[in-house]
Amino acid sequence: MKIAIVKLSALGDIIHAMVALQFIKADYPAAQIDWLVEQNFSDILADNPDINRILPVNLKSLKTHKSGLLKEIATIKAYAKQQYDLVIDAQGLIKSALAARLLSSSCIGFDKNSIREKPAAWLYGQTVACPYDANSIDRNVGILTRPLGIQVSSQQILGKQPFLFHHSPEQPVDNFLQAGVANVLLVIGSTWPSRNYPREKFLQIVRGLAANCLICWGNAQERQAAEWIALRSEARVLPRLSLNDLKYLISRTDLLIGNDTGPTHMAWGLNRPSITLFGPTPISRVYLTDINKVLKSPSAVNPFKLNKNDFSIAEIPETEVIALAKSLLYIDSAIKS
């Protein structure tokens, strides 16, 4: 069986969908699974043994360069020569539904009541109902497994195997790790300013932990915030890392603390301890485990209409983050010993 998955973006959403691969392969070990993805995120899929081919596209560029439309259509049509038995759109957008349809008329996606862009459902040959406000991981696993007759329970997801893989790092990131002390990675940025925990509070976290604190960043503004923290503490700013090197580093850290954003969710995909800080977004985006915890601000969140002006994440006391971090570091050290 040849299966194509369409999940274009964003980083965290792709990670939440990738967990389904191990359950598909358990029931269909001989299946060929290919994945259509925005090229900027393709490296998160790299080296995964359950993916046969990564199919990069650059649909995002069409927002500013509409002249590239015919090229992208030609790219997808070339991928369609694989003659897929089944195409599953796990995104639920009009553009992802169109891409799925170009890959094969035998495409499946969410029904109109399960997605924000309802016309996308008209393009599918078959639809799957899954409440839009349900847990994001359950939604992704459901859309990818139910069309294949596979039922995946919450307990199975909780017992998942790590599913992010890497090759040798391109930069000497091991040089930033220290022996004999906890290595803590801080993810201080995200796509919205209101999802960012204040740099002043991250500084207090660094000062409150007897740890080797490393800060990653993805743009100039995040780098500036990282350097601000480092100038006032013993934290160290990492060079800009590729997704491969970030996967490698997270797999070797003792704890990740970060905002609700893709790099933070990578810890869950690698079965590494983490604390995710939530403000204007719902905690139903993640699974809570013994080593993956969340702290949420006091504001109420409407999953159908997120409020980008909700800066309540700043109300999460840094003392709570420090206390939770220490408990997770104790658990991790106990497991290692």
C-alpha atoms as a PDB file:
ATOM      1  CA  MET A   1       0.000   0.000   0.000  1.00  0.00           C
ATOM      2  CA  LYS A   2       1.210   3.480  -0.900  1.00  0.00           C
ATOM      3  CA  ILE A   3       0.123   6.243   1.487  1.00  0.00           C
ATOM      4  CA  ALA A   4       0.802   9.949   1.216  1.00  0.00           C
ATOM      5  CA  ILE A   5       0.359  12.202   4.241  1.00  0.00           C
ATOM      6  CA  VAL A   6      -0.248  15.905   3.704  1.00  0.00           C
ATOM      7  CA  LYS A   7       0.799  17.946   6.720  1.00  0.00           C
ATOM      8  CA  LEU A   8       2.494  21.073   5.500  1.00  0.00           C
ATOM      9  CA  SER A   9       3.124  23.018   8.704  1.00  0.00           C
ATOM     10  CA  ALA A  10       3.735  24.203  11.363  1.00  0.00           C
ATOM     11  CA  LEU A  11       6.585  22.556  13.223  1.00  0.00           C
ATOM     12  CA  GLY A  12       4.624  21.610  16.337  1.00  0.00           C
ATOM     13  CA  ASP A  13       1.664  20.362  14.301  1.00  0.00           C
ATOM     14  CA  ILE A  14       3.917  18.161  12.191  1.00  0.00           C
ATOM     15  CA  ILE A  15       5.442  16.679  15.342  1.00  0.00           C
ATOM     16  CA  HIS A  16       2.006  15.958  16.779  1.00  0.00           C
ATOM     17  CA  ALA A  17       1.082  14.116  13.588  1.00  0.00           C
ATOM     18  CA  MET A  18       4.329  12.143  13.323  1.00  0.00           C
ATOM     19  CA  VAL A  19       3.512  10.066  16.387  1.00  0.00           C
ATOM     20  CA  ALA A  20       0.902   8.242  14.269  1.00  0.00           C
ATOM     21  CA  LEU A  21       3.562   6.726  12.021  1.00  0.00           C
ATOM     22  CA  GLN A  22       4.616   4.024  14.468  1.00  0.00           C
ATOM     23  CA  PHE A  23       1.024   2.852  14.866  1.00  0.00           C
ATOM     24  CA  ILE A  24       0.436   2.745  11.106  1.00  0.00           C
ATOM     25  CA  LYS A  25       3.614   0.741  10.589  1.00  0.00           C
ATOM     26  CA  ALA A  26       2.672  -1.681  13.359  1.00  0.00           C
ATOM     27  CA  ASP A  27      -0.455  -2.680  11.403  1.00  0.00           C
ATOM     28  CA  TYR A  28       0.909  -2.135   7.892  1.00  0.00           C
ATOM     29  CA  PRO A  29       4.655  -2.885   8.109  1.00  0.00           C
ATOM     30  CA  ALA A  30       5.051  -3.073   4.321  1.00  0.00           C
ATOM     31  CA  ALA A  31       3.278   0.222   3.624  1.00  0.00           C
ATOM     32  CA  GLN A  32       5.121   2.946   1.735  1.00  0.00           C
ATOM     33  CA  ILE A  33       4.519   6.212   3.586  1.00  0.00           C
ATOM     34  CA  ASP A  34       5.459   9.501   1.916  1.00  0.00           C
ATOM     35  CA  TRP A  35       4.931  12.963   3.448  1.00  0.00           C
ATOM     36  CA  LEU A  36       4.121  16.244   1.673  1.00  0.00           C
ATOM     37  CA  VAL A  37       5.534  19.127   3.717  1.00  0.00           C
ATOM     38  CA  GLU A  38       6.672  22.728   3.400  1.00  0.00           C
ATOM     39  CA  GLN A  39      10.377  22.577   2.574  1.00  0.00           C
ATOM     40  CA  ASN A  40      11.317  24.742   5.587  1.00  0.00           C
ATOM     41  CA  PHE A  41      10.047  21.987   7.880  1.00  0.00           C
ATOM     42  CA  SER A  42      11.207  18.954   5.920  1.00  0.00           C
ATOM     43  CA  ASP A  43      14.213  18.330   8.184  1.00  0.00           C
ATOM     44  CA  ILE A  44      11.955  17.509  11.130  1.00  0.00           C
ATOM     45  CA  LEU A  45      10.884  14.413   9.144  1.00  0.00           C
ATOM     46  CA  ALA A  46      14.412  13.486   8.080  1.00  0.00           C
ATOM     47  CA  ASP A  47      15.972  10.183   9.166  1.00  0.00           C
ATOM     48  CA  ASN A  48      12.624   8.753  10.329  1.00  0.00           C
ATOM     49  CA  PRO A  49      12.664   5.041   9.374  1.00  0.00           C
ATOM     50  CA  ASP A  50       8.867   4.984   8.991  1.00  0.00           C
ATOM     51  CA  ILE A  51       8.921   7.567   6.163  1.00  0.00           C
ATOM     52  CA  ASN A  52       9.930   6.411   2.708  1.00  0.00           C
ATOM     53  CA  ARG A  53      10.008   9.736   0.887  1.00  0.00           C
ATOM     54  CA  ILE A  54       9.785  13.343   1.992  1.00  0.00           C
ATOM     55  CA  LEU A  55       7.949  15.453  -0.596  1.00  0.00           C
ATOM     56  CA  PRO A  56       8.903  19.121  -0.134  1.00  0.00           C
ATOM     57  CA  VAL A  57       6.827  21.971  -1.538  1.00  0.00           C
ATOM     58  CA  ASN A  58       6.989  25.732  -1.171  1.00  0.00           C
ATOM     59  CA  LEU A  59       3.318  26.691  -1.082  1.00  0.00           C
ATOM     60  CA  LYS A  60       3.938  29.288   1.605  1.00  0.00           C
ATOM     61  CA  SER A  61       5.939  31.357  -0.864  1.00  0.00           C
ATOM     62  CA  LEU A  62       2.834  31.793  -3.029  1.00  0.00           C
ATOM     63  CA  LYS A  63       1.560  34.444  -0.625  1.00  0.00           C
ATOM     64  CA  THR A  64       4.171  36.835  -1.967  1.00  0.00           C
ATOM     65  CA  HIS A  65       5.199  35.149  -5.239  1.00  0.00           C
ATOM     66  CA  LYS A  66       2.024  33.990  -6.953  1.00  0.00           C
ATOM     67  CA  SER A  67       3.972  33.458 -10.175  1.00  0.00           C
ATOM     68  CA  GLY A  68       5.316  30.246  -8.661  1.00  0.00           C
ATOM     69  CA  LEU A  69       1.889  28.562  -8.591  1.00  0.00           C
ATOM     70  CA  LEU A  70       2.353  26.559 -11.802  1.00  0.00           C
ATOM     71  CA  LYS A  71       5.736  25.324 -10.619  1.00  0.00           C
ATOM     72  CA  GLU A  72       4.281  24.074  -7.330  1.00  0.00           C
ATOM     73  CA  ILE A  73       1.392  22.363  -9.127  1.00  0.00           C
ATOM     74  CA  ALA A  74       3.881  20.658 -11.439  1.00  0.00           C
ATOM     75  CA  THR A  75       5.915  19.512  -8.430  1.00  0.00           C
ATOM     76  CA  ILE A  76       2.883  17.930  -6.765  1.00  0.00           C
ATOM     77  CA  LYS A  77       1.752  16.309 -10.020  1.00  0.00           C
ATOM     78  CA  ALA A  78       5.208  14.785 -10.358  1.00  0.00           C
ATOM     79  CA  TYR A  79       4.838  13.318  -6.868  1.00  0.00           C
ATOM     80  CA  ALA A  80       1.420  11.944  -7.894  1.00  0.00           C
ATOM     81  CA  LYS A  81       3.153   9.617 -10.372  1.00  0.00           C
ATOM     82  CA  GLN A  82       3.714   7.342  -7.376  1.00  0.00           C
ATOM     83  CA  GLN A  83       0.021   6.446  -7.795  1.00  0.00           C
ATOM     84  CA  TYR A  84      -0.927   6.514  -4.147  1.00  0.00           C
ATOM     85  CA  ASP A  85      -3.603   4.155  -2.875  1.00  0.00           C
ATOM     86  CA  LEU A  86      -4.547   6.660  -0.215  1.00  0.00           C
ATOM     87  CA  VAL A  87      -3.806  10.320   0.499  1.00  0.00           C
ATOM     88  CA  ILE A  88      -4.648  11.743   3.929  1.00  0.00           C
ATOM     89  CA  ASP A  89      -4.771  15.489   4.529  1.00  0.00           C
ATOM     90  CA  ALA A  90      -4.072  16.021   8.224  1.00  0.00           C
ATOM     91  CA  GLN A  91      -3.968  19.816   7.829  1.00  0.00           C
ATOM     92  CA  GLY A  92      -7.532  20.773   6.955  1.00  0.00           C
ATOM     93  CA  LEU A  93      -6.754  23.915   4.950  1.00  0.00           C
ATOM     94  CA  ILE A  94      -7.944  24.716   1.445  1.00  0.00           C
ATOM     95  CA  LYS A  95      -4.371  24.685   0.117  1.00  0.00           C
ATOM     96  CA  SER A  96      -3.578  21.336   1.760  1.00  0.00           C
ATOM     97  CA  ALA A  97      -6.845  19.853   0.483  1.00  0.00           C
ATOM     98  CA  LEU A  98      -6.021  21.008  -3.047  1.00  0.00           C
ATOM     99  CA  ALA A  99      -2.570  19.463  -2.730  1.00  0.00           C
ATOM    100  CA  ALA A 100      -4.077  16.195  -1.513  1.00  0.00           C
ATOM    101  CA  ARG A 101      -6.517  16.195  -4.409  1.00  0.00           C
ATOM    102  CA  LEU A 102      -3.676  16.713  -6.868  1.00  0.00           C
ATOM    103  CA  LEU A 103      -1.887  13.716  -5.399  1.00  0.00           C
ATOM    104  CA  SER A 104      -4.931  11.463  -5.757  1.00  0.00           C
ATOM    105  CA  SER A 105      -8.713  11.586  -5.994  1.00  0.00           C
ATOM    106  CA  SER A 106      -8.660   8.921  -3.266  1.00  0.00           C
ATOM    107  CA  CYS A 107      -8.025  11.507  -0.569  1.00  0.00           C
ATOM    108  CA  ILE A 108      -9.384  11.750   2.955  1.00  0.00           C
ATOM    109  CA  GLY A 109      -9.575  14.663   5.360  1.00  0.00           C
ATOM    110  CA  PHE A 110     -11.526  16.209   8.211  1.00  0.00           C
ATOM    111  CA  ASP A 111     -15.241  16.851   7.756  1.00  0.00           C
ATOM    112  CA  LYS A 112     -16.524  20.426   7.512  1.00  0.00           C
ATOM    113  CA  ASN A 113     -17.341  20.630  11.228  1.00  0.00           C
ATOM    114  CA  SER A 114     -13.829  19.623  12.236  1.00  0.00           C
ATOM    115  CA  ILE A 115     -11.788  22.339  10.512  1.00  0.00           C
ATOM    116  CA  ARG A 116     -11.527  26.111  10.323  1.00  0.00           C
ATOM    117  CA  GLU A 117     -11.556  26.347   6.504  1.00  0.00           C
ATOM    118  CA  LYS A 118     -14.756  24.391   5.889  1.00  0.00           C
ATOM    119  CA  PRO A 119     -14.659  24.433   2.032  1.00  0.00           C
ATOM    120  CA  ALA A 120     -11.580  22.179   2.230  1.00  0.00           C
ATOM    121  CA  ALA A 121     -13.890  19.282   3.120  1.00  0.00           C
ATOM    122  CA  TRP A 122     -15.570  19.513  -0.294  1.00  0.00           C
ATOM    123  CA  LEU A 123     -12.381  18.307  -1.955  1.00  0.00           C
ATOM    124  CA  TYR A 124     -12.101  15.013  -0.094  1.00  0.00           C
ATOM    125  CA  GLY A 125     -13.512  11.719  -1.294  1.00  0.00           C
ATOM    126  CA  GLN A 126     -14.088  10.713   2.317  1.00  0.00           C
ATOM    127  CA  THR A 127     -14.174  12.675   5.564  1.00  0.00           C
ATOM    128  CA  VAL A 128     -13.475  11.975   9.212  1.00  0.00           C
ATOM    129  CA  ALA A 129     -15.229  13.709  12.111  1.00  0.00           C
ATOM    130  CA  CYS A 130     -13.023  14.925  14.936  1.00  0.00           C
ATOM    131  CA  PRO A 131     -14.010  17.903  17.127  1.00  0.00           C
ATOM    132  CA  TYR A 132     -11.927  20.982  16.364  1.00  0.00           C
ATOM    133  CA  ASP A 133     -11.414  21.648  20.073  1.00  0.00           C
ATOM    134  CA  ALA A 134     -10.242  18.096  20.838  1.00  0.00           C
ATOM    135  CA  ASN A 135      -6.679  17.370  21.899  1.00  0.00           C
ATOM    136  CA  SER A 136      -4.399  18.243  18.968  1.00  0.00           C
ATOM    137  CA  ILE A 137      -2.447  15.008  19.179  1.00  0.00           C
ATOM    138  CA  ASP A 138      -5.618  12.908  19.299  1.00  0.00           C
ATOM    139  CA  ARG A 139      -6.906  14.776  16.234  1.00  0.00           C
ATOM    140  CA  ASN A 140      -3.741  14.134  14.274  1.00  0.00           C
ATOM    141  CA  VAL A 141      -3.538  10.492  15.239  1.00  0.00           C
ATOM    142  CA  GLY A 142      -7.241  10.001  14.495  1.00  0.00           C
ATOM    143  CA  ILE A 143      -7.185  11.495  11.005  1.00  0.00           C
ATOM    144  CA  LEU A 144      -4.136   9.424  10.062  1.00  0.00           C
ATOM    145  CA  THR A 145      -5.132   6.071  11.533  1.00  0.00           C
ATOM    146  CA  ARG A 146      -8.914   5.787  11.451  1.00  0.00           C
ATOM    147  CA  PRO A 147      -9.132   5.687   7.623  1.00  0.00           C
ATOM    148  CA  LEU A 148      -6.881   2.620   7.823  1.00  0.00           C
ATOM    149  CA  GLY A 149      -9.095   0.895  10.379  1.00  0.00           C
ATOM    150  CA  ILE A 150      -6.596   1.456  13.187  1.00  0.00           C
ATOM    151  CA  GLN A 151      -7.774   2.489  16.650  1.00  0.00           C
ATOM    152  CA  VAL A 152      -5.141   4.123  18.835  1.00  0.00           C
ATOM    153  CA  SER A 153      -5.817   4.656  22.533  1.00  0.00           C
ATOM    154  CA  SER A 154      -4.506   7.385  24.803  1.00  0.00           C
ATOM    155  CA  GLN A 155      -2.487   4.763  26.647  1.00  0.00           C
ATOM    156  CA  GLN A 156      -0.774   3.769  23.423  1.00  0.00           C
ATOM    157  CA  ILE A 157       0.156   7.391  22.749  1.00  0.00           C
ATOM    158  CA  LEU A 158       1.450   7.772  26.299  1.00  0.00           C
ATOM    159  CA  GLY A 159       3.589   4.662  25.754  1.00  0.00           C
ATOM    160  CA  LYS A 160       4.930   5.813  22.381  1.00  0.00           C
ATOM    161  CA  GLN A 161       8.476   5.251  21.222  1.00  0.00           C
ATOM    162  CA  PRO A 162      10.581   8.349  20.430  1.00  0.00           C
ATOM    163  CA  PHE A 163       9.942   9.285  16.810  1.00  0.00           C
ATOM    164  CA  LEU A 164      12.305  12.146  16.004  1.00  0.00           C
ATOM    165  CA  PHE A 165      15.625  11.055  14.513  1.00  0.00           C
ATOM    166  CA  HIS A 166      18.833  12.802  13.576  1.00  0.00           C
ATOM    167  CA  HIS A 167      22.178  12.245  11.933  1.00  0.00           C
ATOM    168  CA  SER A 168      25.548  13.533  13.082  1.00  0.00           C
ATOM    169  CA  PRO A 169      25.345  17.218  14.054  1.00  0.00           C
ATOM    170  CA  GLU A 170      26.604  19.815  11.620  1.00  0.00           C
ATOM    171  CA  GLN A 171      27.919  22.014  14.471  1.00  0.00           C
ATOM    172  CA  PRO A 172      29.881  20.942  17.594  1.00  0.00           C
ATOM    173  CA  VAL A 173      26.879  21.266  19.918  1.00  0.00           C
ATOM    174  CA  ASP A 174      28.335  18.711  22.334  1.00  0.00           C
ATOM    175  CA  ASN A 175      30.814  21.408  23.344  1.00  0.00           C
ATOM    176  CA  PHE A 176      27.978  23.302  25.023  1.00  0.00           C
ATOM    177  CA  LEU A 177      26.993  20.369  27.256  1.00  0.00           C
ATOM    178  CA  GLN A 178      28.594  19.894  30.659  1.00  0.00           C
ATOM    179  CA  ALA A 179      29.200  16.706  32.607  1.00  0.00           C
ATOM    180  CA  GLY A 180      28.258  16.478  36.273  1.00  0.00           C
ATOM    181  CA  VAL A 181      25.561  19.144  36.054  1.00  0.00           C
ATOM    182  CA  ALA A 182      22.038  19.285  34.641  1.00  0.00           C
ATOM    183  CA  ASN A 183      21.869  20.600  31.077  1.00  0.00           C
ATOM    184  CA  VAL A 184      18.736  22.706  30.566  1.00  0.00           C
ATOM    185  CA  LEU A 185      17.627  24.106  27.214  1.00  0.00           C
ATOM    186  CA  LEU A 186      15.482  27.253  27.115  1.00  0.00           C
ATOM    187  CA  VAL A 187      13.178  27.957  24.162  1.00  0.00           C
ATOM    188  CA  ILE A 188      12.395  31.637  24.606  1.00  0.00           C
ATOM    189  CA  GLY A 189      10.654  32.508  21.310  1.00  0.00           C
ATOM    190  CA  SER A 190       7.476  31.643  19.418  1.00  0.00           C
ATOM    191  CA  THR A 191       5.371  32.933  16.535  1.00  0.00           C
ATOM    192  CA  TRP A 192       3.335  35.396  18.648  1.00  0.00           C
ATOM    193  CA  PRO A 193       4.687  37.905  21.167  1.00  0.00           C
ATOM    194  CA  SER A 194       1.823  36.995  23.516  1.00  0.00           C
ATOM    195  CA  ARG A 195       3.022  33.378  23.638  1.00  0.00           C
ATOM    196  CA  ASN A 196       6.454  34.421  24.909  1.00  0.00           C
ATOM    197  CA  TYR A 197       7.295  34.168  28.587  1.00  0.00           C
ATOM    198  CA  PRO A 198       9.078  37.412  29.565  1.00  0.00           C
ATOM    199  CA  ARG A 199      12.848  37.420  29.291  1.00  0.00           C
ATOM    200  CA  GLU A 200      13.055  38.832  32.833  1.00  0.00           C
ATOM    201  CA  LYS A 201      11.342  35.704  34.136  1.00  0.00           C
ATOM    202  CA  PHE A 202      13.531  33.395  32.088  1.00  0.00           C
ATOM    203  CA  LEU A 203      16.462  35.191  33.723  1.00  0.00           C
ATOM    204  CA  GLN A 204      15.100  34.368  37.168  1.00  0.00           C
ATOM    205  CA  ILE A 205      14.702  30.733  36.130  1.00  0.00           C
ATOM    206  CA  VAL A 206      18.344  30.599  35.085  1.00  0.00           C
ATOM    207  CA  ARG A 207      19.407  32.138  38.394  1.00  0.00           C
ATOM    208  CA  GLY A 208      17.187  29.742  40.328  1.00  0.00           C
ATOM    209  CA  LEU A 209      18.582  26.555  38.807  1.00  0.00           C
ATOM    210  CA  ALA A 210      21.994  25.097  39.528  1.00  0.00           C
ATOM    211  CA  ALA A 211      22.284  24.015  35.924  1.00  0.00           C
ATOM    212  CA  ASN A 212      24.057  24.578  32.645  1.00  0.00           C
ATOM    213  CA  CYS A 213      21.396  26.677  30.919  1.00  0.00           C
ATOM    214  CA  LEU A 214      21.528  26.957  27.143  1.00  0.00           C
ATOM    215  CA  ILE A 215      19.337  29.272  25.061  1.00  0.00           C
ATOM    216  CA  CYS A 216      18.326  28.554  21.468  1.00  0.00           C
ATOM    217  CA  TRP A 217      16.917  31.118  19.066  1.00  0.00           C
ATOM    218  CA  GLY A 218      15.487  31.368  15.571  1.00  0.00           C
ATOM    219  CA  ASN A 219      15.556  35.035  14.583  1.00  0.00           C
ATOM    220  CA  ALA A 220      17.324  38.299  15.407  1.00  0.00           C
ATOM    221  CA  GLN A 221      14.785  39.349  18.027  1.00  0.00           C
ATOM    222  CA  GLU A 222      15.069  36.034  19.875  1.00  0.00           C
ATOM    223  CA  ARG A 223      18.845  36.200  19.698  1.00  0.00           C
ATOM    224  CA  GLN A 224      18.772  39.676  21.224  1.00  0.00           C
ATOM    225  CA  ALA A 225      16.604  38.412  24.101  1.00  0.00           C
ATOM    226  CA  ALA A 226      18.918  35.411  24.577  1.00  0.00           C
ATOM    227  CA  GLU A 227      21.970  37.658  24.767  1.00  0.00           C
ATOM    228  CA  TRP A 228      20.182  39.938  27.235  1.00  0.00           C
ATOM    229  CA  ILE A 229      19.639  36.951  29.547  1.00  0.00           C
ATOM    230  CA  ALA A 230      23.181  35.658  29.074  1.00  0.00           C
ATOM    231  CA  LEU A 231      24.735  39.039  29.938  1.00  0.00           C
ATOM    232  CA  ARG A 232      22.999  38.912  33.319  1.00  0.00           C
ATOM    233  CA  SER A 233      23.604  35.260  34.157  1.00  0.00           C
ATOM    234  CA  GLU A 234      25.768  32.249  33.413  1.00  0.00           C
ATOM    235  CA  ALA A 235      23.435  31.064  30.642  1.00  0.00           C
ATOM    236  CA  ARG A 236      25.012  30.525  27.247  1.00  0.00           C
ATOM    237  CA  VAL A 237      23.576  31.468  23.879  1.00  0.00           C
ATOM    238  CA  LEU A 238      23.748  28.732  21.276  1.00  0.00           C
ATOM    239  CA  PRO A 239      24.562  29.386  17.624  1.00  0.00           C
ATOM    240  CA  ARG A 240      21.616  29.184  15.289  1.00  0.00           C
ATOM    241  CA  LEU A 241      20.884  25.473  14.958  1.00  0.00           C
ATOM    242  CA  SER A 242      19.416  23.451  12.122  1.00  0.00           C
ATOM    243  CA  LEU A 243      16.458  21.232  12.943  1.00  0.00           C
ATOM    244  CA  ASN A 244      18.779  18.235  12.809  1.00  0.00           C
ATOM    245  CA  ASP A 245      21.176  19.746  15.344  1.00  0.00           C
ATOM    246  CA  LEU A 246      18.282  20.850  17.545  1.00  0.00           C
ATOM    247  CA  LYS A 247      16.940  17.291  17.600  1.00  0.00           C
ATOM    248  CA  TYR A 248      20.398  16.046  18.490  1.00  0.00           C
ATOM    249  CA  LEU A 249      20.826  18.569  21.294  1.00  0.00           C
ATOM    250  CA  ILE A 250      17.386  18.013  22.834  1.00  0.00           C
ATOM    251  CA  SER A 251      17.992  14.257  22.884  1.00  0.00           C
ATOM    252  CA  ARG A 252      20.985  14.947  25.145  1.00  0.00           C
ATOM    253  CA  THR A 253      19.592  17.590  27.471  1.00  0.00           C
ATOM    254  CA  ASP A 254      18.145  16.844  30.880  1.00  0.00           C
ATOM    255  CA  LEU A 255      15.242  19.294  30.618  1.00  0.00           C
ATOM    256  CA  LEU A 256      13.684  21.699  28.139  1.00  0.00           C
ATOM    257  CA  ILE A 257      11.687  24.738  29.288  1.00  0.00           C
ATOM    258  CA  GLY A 258       9.890  26.737  26.645  1.00  0.00           C
ATOM    259  CA  ASN A 259       6.865  28.461  25.214  1.00  0.00           C
ATOM    260  CA  ASP A 260       4.101  26.678  23.300  1.00  0.00           C
ATOM    261  CA  THR A 261       6.061  26.344  20.062  1.00  0.00           C
ATOM    262  CA  GLY A 262       7.551  23.701  17.796  1.00  0.00           C
ATOM    263  CA  PRO A 263      11.029  23.303  19.339  1.00  0.00           C
ATOM    264  CA  THR A 264       9.448  22.829  22.773  1.00  0.00           C
ATOM    265  CA  HIS A 265       7.226  20.018  21.463  1.00  0.00           C
ATOM    266  CA  MET A 266      10.298  18.281  20.089  1.00  0.00           C
ATOM    267  CA  ALA A 267      11.121  17.190  23.646  1.00  0.00           C
ATOM    268  CA  TRP A 268       7.858  15.206  23.765  1.00  0.00           C
ATOM    269  CA  GLY A 269       8.698  13.585  20.432  1.00  0.00           C
ATOM    270  CA  LEU A 270      12.099  12.570  21.818  1.00  0.00           C
ATOM    271  CA  ASN A 271      10.756  11.387  25.202  1.00  0.00           C
ATOM    272  CA  ARG A 272      12.808  14.005  27.022  1.00  0.00           C
ATOM    273  CA  PRO A 273      11.621  15.976  30.104  1.00  0.00           C
ATOM    274  CA  SER A 274       9.963  19.309  29.361  1.00  0.00           C
ATOM    275  CA  ILE A 275       7.903  22.166  30.763  1.00  0.00           C
ATOM    276  CA  THR A 276       5.669  23.994  28.294  1.00  0.00           C
ATOM    277  CA  LEU A 277       4.438  27.457  29.268  1.00  0.00           C
ATOM    278  CA  PHE A 278       0.954  28.368  28.031  1.00  0.00           C
ATOM    279  CA  GLY A 279      -0.776  31.736  27.849  1.00  0.00           C
ATOM    280  CA  PRO A 280      -3.223  32.424  24.986  1.00  0.00           C
ATOM    281  CA  THR A 281      -3.260  28.858  23.662  1.00  0.00           C
ATOM    282  CA  PRO A 282      -5.004  25.779  25.125  1.00  0.00           C
ATOM    283  CA  ILE A 283      -3.107  23.050  26.952  1.00  0.00           C
ATOM    284  CA  SER A 284      -5.154  20.548  24.930  1.00  0.00           C
ATOM    285  CA  ARG A 285      -2.390  20.913  22.345  1.00  0.00           C
ATOM    286  CA  VAL A 286      -0.212  18.470  24.285  1.00  0.00           C
ATOM    287  CA  TYR A 287      -0.178  15.248  26.271  1.00  0.00           C
ATOM    288  CA  LEU A 288       0.835  15.384  29.912  1.00  0.00           C
ATOM    289  CA  THR A 289       3.186  12.634  31.052  1.00  0.00           C
ATOM    290  CA  ASP A 290       5.393  11.899  34.047  1.00  0.00           C
ATOM    291  CA  ILE A 291       8.175  13.911  32.397  1.00  0.00           C
ATOM    292  CA  ASN A 292       6.270  16.337  30.143  1.00  0.00           C
ATOM    293  CA  LYS A 293       4.479  18.997  32.183  1.00  0.00           C
ATOM    294  CA  VAL A 294       2.712  22.294  31.503  1.00  0.00           C
ATOM    295  CA  LEU A 295       2.084  25.510  33.370  1.00  0.00           C
ATOM    296  CA  LYS A 296      -0.864  27.633  32.224  1.00  0.00           C
ATOM    297  CA  SER A 297      -1.632  31.269  32.934  1.00  0.00           C
ATOM    298  CA  PRO A 298      -4.970  32.045  34.658  1.00  0.00           C
ATOM    299  CA  SER A 299      -6.712  33.302  31.491  1.00  0.00           C
ATOM    300  CA  ALA A 300      -9.529  31.357  29.826  1.00  0.00           C
ATOM    301  CA  VAL A 301      -8.884  30.234  26.252  1.00  0.00           C
ATOM    302  CA  ASN A 302     -11.450  29.833  23.480  1.00  0.00           C
ATOM    303  CA  PRO A 303      -9.917  27.241  21.115  1.00  0.00           C
ATOM    304  CA  PHE A 304     -12.204  28.427  18.311  1.00  0.00           C
ATOM    305  CA  LYS A 305     -10.942  32.022  18.539  1.00  0.00           C
ATOM    306  CA  LEU A 306      -7.526  32.495  20.091  1.00  0.00           C
ATOM    307  CA  ASN A 307      -6.766  35.914  21.516  1.00  0.00           C
ATOM    308  CA  LYS A 308      -3.365  37.122  20.317  1.00  0.00           C
ATOM    309  CA  ASN A 309      -3.639  40.041  22.738  1.00  0.00           C
ATOM    310  CA  ASP A 310      -3.731  37.757  25.774  1.00  0.00           C
ATOM    311  CA  PHE A 311      -0.340  38.343  27.438  1.00  0.00           C
ATOM    312  CA  SER A 312      -1.285  36.502  30.613  1.00  0.00           C
ATOM    313  CA  ILE A 313       1.636  34.102  30.219  1.00  0.00           C
ATOM    314  CA  ALA A 314       3.604  36.730  32.158  1.00  0.00           C
ATOM    315  CA  GLU A 315       1.487  35.901  35.210  1.00  0.00           C
ATOM    316  CA  ILE A 316       2.969  32.421  35.580  1.00  0.00           C
ATOM    317  CA  PRO A 317       5.253  32.727  38.635  1.00  0.00           C
ATOM    318  CA  GLU A 318       8.851  31.911  37.851  1.00  0.00           C
ATOM    319  CA  THR A 319       9.018  30.230  41.279  1.00  0.00           C
ATOM    320  CA  GLU A 320       6.534  27.619  40.022  1.00  0.00           C
ATOM    321  CA  VAL A 321       8.640  26.984  36.930  1.00  0.00           C
ATOM    322  CA  ILE A 322      11.787  26.598  39.037  1.00  0.00           C
ATOM    323  CA  ALA A 323      10.102  24.225  41.503  1.00  0.00           C
ATOM    324  CA  LEU A 324       8.687  22.060  38.706  1.00  0.00           C
ATOM    325  CA  ALA A 325      12.033  22.063  36.909  1.00  0.00           C
ATOM    326  CA  LYS A 326      13.832  20.851  40.017  1.00  0.00           C
ATOM    327  CA  SER A 327      11.344  18.015  40.493  1.00  0.00           C
ATOM    328  CA  LEU A 328      11.738  16.891  36.862  1.00  0.00           C
ATOM    329  CA  LEU A 329      15.515  17.064  37.085  1.00  0.00           C
ATOM    330  CA  TYR A 330      15.369  14.928  40.227  1.00  0.00           C
ATOM    331  CA  ILE A 331      13.199  12.339  38.445  1.00  0.00           C
ATOM    332  CA  ASP A 332      15.522  12.310  35.423  1.00  0.00           C
ATOM    333  CA  SER A 333      18.636  11.862  37.560  1.00  0.00           C
ATOM    334  CA  ALA A 334      16.933   9.063  39.510  1.00  0.00           C
ATOM    335  CA  ILE A 335      16.074   7.245  36.284  1.00  0.00           C
ATOM    336  CA  LYS A 336      19.636   7.588  34.985  1.00  0.00           C
ATOM    337  CA  SER A 337      21.121   6.273  38.227  1.00  0.00           C
END
